Amino acid sequence: MEQQKLRELLETLHQELEQVDSVDETTVAVLSNLREDISKLVTDNVGTVHENESLMERMSEAVDHFETDHPKLSMTIQHVLESLAKMGF
């Protein structure tokens, strides 16, 4: 059940990422990292504990980065983080 919910959240997140239009260099980097992380999660190519911690840190930073200008995106990322935490990441 959690796996299916996570996939749905990741799909929603991916769609919202595609809608981000006003970007600076930092946002470009954050978006690029998120897209890469989503790809890894969707393909179940989950890495080592260190890689998972790094992924969680990047997603947490993305929540903060998008909170003001893209609150819906920020909230979706937070939901993904919560689902990953429930799954033991």
C-alpha atoms as a PDB file:
ATOM      1  CA  MET A   1       0.000   0.000   0.000  1.00  0.00           C
ATOM      2  CA  GLU A   2       2.728   2.479   0.954  1.00  0.00           C
ATOM      3  CA  GLN A   3       4.630   1.614  -2.233  1.00  0.00           C
ATOM      4  CA  GLN A   4       1.581   2.445  -4.378  1.00  0.00           C
ATOM      5  CA  LYS A   5       0.965   5.688  -2.479  1.00  0.00           C
ATOM      6  CA  LEU A   6       4.608   6.634  -2.942  1.00  0.00           C
ATOM      7  CA  ARG A   7       4.426   6.006  -6.683  1.00  0.00           C
ATOM      8  CA  GLU A   8       1.313   8.168  -6.938  1.00  0.00           C
ATOM      9  CA  LEU A   9       2.989  10.948  -4.953  1.00  0.00           C
ATOM     10  CA  LEU A  10       6.092  10.728  -7.123  1.00  0.00           C
ATOM     11  CA  GLU A  11       3.971  10.985 -10.260  1.00  0.00           C
ATOM     12  CA  THR A  12       2.201  14.042  -8.836  1.00  0.00           C
ATOM     13  CA  LEU A  13       5.543  15.536  -7.875  1.00  0.00           C
ATOM     14  CA  HIS A  14       6.926  14.918 -11.352  1.00  0.00           C
ATOM     15  CA  GLN A  15       3.918  16.665 -12.924  1.00  0.00           C
ATOM     16  CA  GLU A  16       4.303  19.644 -10.607  1.00  0.00           C
ATOM     17  CA  LEU A  17       8.015  19.883 -11.355  1.00  0.00           C
ATOM     18  CA  GLU A  18       7.191  20.162 -15.041  1.00  0.00           C
ATOM     19  CA  GLN A  19       4.997  23.181 -14.311  1.00  0.00           C
ATOM     20  CA  VAL A  20       7.727  25.227 -12.601  1.00  0.00           C
ATOM     21  CA  ASP A  21       8.528  27.990 -15.069  1.00  0.00           C
ATOM     22  CA  SER A  22      10.354  30.830 -13.321  1.00  0.00           C
ATOM     23  CA  VAL A  23      13.741  29.485 -12.344  1.00  0.00           C
ATOM     24  CA  ASP A  24      17.094  30.811 -11.272  1.00  0.00           C
ATOM     25  CA  GLU A  25      20.344  28.831 -11.234  1.00  0.00           C
ATOM     26  CA  THR A  26      19.689  27.418  -7.773  1.00  0.00           C
ATOM     27  CA  THR A  27      16.197  26.309  -8.738  1.00  0.00           C
ATOM     28  CA  VAL A  28      17.540  24.648 -11.877  1.00  0.00           C
ATOM     29  CA  ALA A  29      19.949  22.633  -9.715  1.00  0.00           C
ATOM     30  CA  VAL A  30      17.233  21.714  -7.202  1.00  0.00           C
ATOM     31  CA  LEU A  31      14.864  20.647  -9.998  1.00  0.00           C
ATOM     32  CA  SER A  32      17.571  18.597 -11.667  1.00  0.00           C
ATOM     33  CA  ASN A  33      18.382  16.777  -8.428  1.00  0.00           C
ATOM     34  CA  LEU A  34      14.707  16.124  -7.706  1.00  0.00           C
ATOM     35  CA  ARG A  35      14.113  14.695 -11.169  1.00  0.00           C
ATOM     36  CA  GLU A  36      17.116  12.392 -10.757  1.00  0.00           C
ATOM     37  CA  ASP A  37      15.977  11.317  -7.289  1.00  0.00           C
ATOM     38  CA  ILE A  38      12.440  10.646  -8.501  1.00  0.00           C
ATOM     39  CA  SER A  39      13.812   8.548 -11.342  1.00  0.00           C
ATOM     40  CA  LYS A  40      15.818   6.455  -8.868  1.00  0.00           C
ATOM     41  CA  LEU A  41      12.820   5.967  -6.596  1.00  0.00           C
ATOM     42  CA  VAL A  42      10.420   5.091  -9.407  1.00  0.00           C
ATOM     43  CA  THR A  43      12.735   2.441 -10.789  1.00  0.00           C
ATOM     44  CA  ASP A  44      13.299   1.028  -7.274  1.00  0.00           C
ATOM     45  CA  ASN A  45      16.978   1.695  -7.727  1.00  0.00           C
ATOM     46  CA  VAL A  46      17.396   2.641  -4.085  1.00  0.00           C
ATOM     47  CA  GLY A  47      20.986   2.932  -2.991  1.00  0.00           C
ATOM     48  CA  THR A  48      23.011   2.550   0.154  1.00  0.00           C
ATOM     49  CA  VAL A  49      22.045   4.061   3.486  1.00  0.00           C
ATOM     50  CA  HIS A  50      24.372   7.003   2.733  1.00  0.00           C
ATOM     51  CA  GLU A  51      22.766   7.573  -0.676  1.00  0.00           C
ATOM     52  CA  ASN A  52      19.290   7.388   0.862  1.00  0.00           C
ATOM     53  CA  GLU A  53      20.239   9.920   3.547  1.00  0.00           C
ATOM     54  CA  SER A  54      21.636  12.214   0.858  1.00  0.00           C
ATOM     55  CA  LEU A  55      18.427  11.871  -1.159  1.00  0.00           C
ATOM     56  CA  MET A  56      16.326  12.685   1.905  1.00  0.00           C
ATOM     57  CA  GLU A  57      18.486  15.736   2.652  1.00  0.00           C
ATOM     58  CA  ARG A  58      18.141  17.035  -0.918  1.00  0.00           C
ATOM     59  CA  MET A  59      14.382  16.574  -0.823  1.00  0.00           C
ATOM     60  CA  SER A  60      14.178  18.327   2.545  1.00  0.00           C
ATOM     61  CA  GLU A  61      16.210  21.230   1.159  1.00  0.00           C
ATOM     62  CA  ALA A  62      13.865  21.337  -1.836  1.00  0.00           C
ATOM     63  CA  VAL A  63      10.884  21.689   0.518  1.00  0.00           C
ATOM     64  CA  ASP A  64      12.518  24.783   2.004  1.00  0.00           C
ATOM     65  CA  HIS A  65      13.542  26.127  -1.403  1.00  0.00           C
ATOM     66  CA  PHE A  66      10.057  25.931  -2.937  1.00  0.00           C
ATOM     67  CA  GLU A  67       8.048  26.810   0.166  1.00  0.00           C
ATOM     68  CA  THR A  68       7.529  30.489  -0.693  1.00  0.00           C
ATOM     69  CA  ASP A  69       7.150  30.538  -4.476  1.00  0.00           C
ATOM     70  CA  HIS A  70       5.711  27.057  -5.047  1.00  0.00           C
ATOM     71  CA  PRO A  71       3.880  25.974  -1.871  1.00  0.00           C
ATOM     72  CA  LYS A  72       1.963  23.157  -3.565  1.00  0.00           C
ATOM     73  CA  LEU A  73       5.194  21.671  -4.876  1.00  0.00           C
ATOM     74  CA  SER A  74       6.779  22.047  -1.455  1.00  0.00           C
ATOM     75  CA  MET A  75       3.839  20.268   0.167  1.00  0.00           C
ATOM     76  CA  THR A  76       3.997  17.405  -2.325  1.00  0.00           C
ATOM     77  CA  ILE A  77       7.706  16.923  -1.670  1.00  0.00           C
ATOM     78  CA  GLN A  78       6.946  16.882   2.072  1.00  0.00           C
ATOM     79  CA  HIS A  79       4.332  14.157   1.513  1.00  0.00           C
ATOM     80  CA  VAL A  80       6.896  12.104  -0.404  1.00  0.00           C
ATOM     81  CA  LEU A  81       9.354  12.520   2.470  1.00  0.00           C
ATOM     82  CA  GLU A  82       6.713  11.375   4.964  1.00  0.00           C
ATOM     83  CA  SER A  83       5.917   8.312   2.868  1.00  0.00           C
ATOM     84  CA  LEU A  84       9.590   7.447   2.566  1.00  0.00           C
ATOM     85  CA  ALA A  85       9.988   7.791   6.337  1.00  0.00           C
ATOM     86  CA  LYS A  86       7.077   5.401   6.878  1.00  0.00           C
ATOM     87  CA  MET A  87       8.802   2.933   4.572  1.00  0.00           C
ATOM     88  CA  GLY A  88      11.990   3.081   6.617  1.00  0.00           C
ATOM     89  CA  PHE A  89      14.186   5.420   4.583  1.00  0.00           C
END
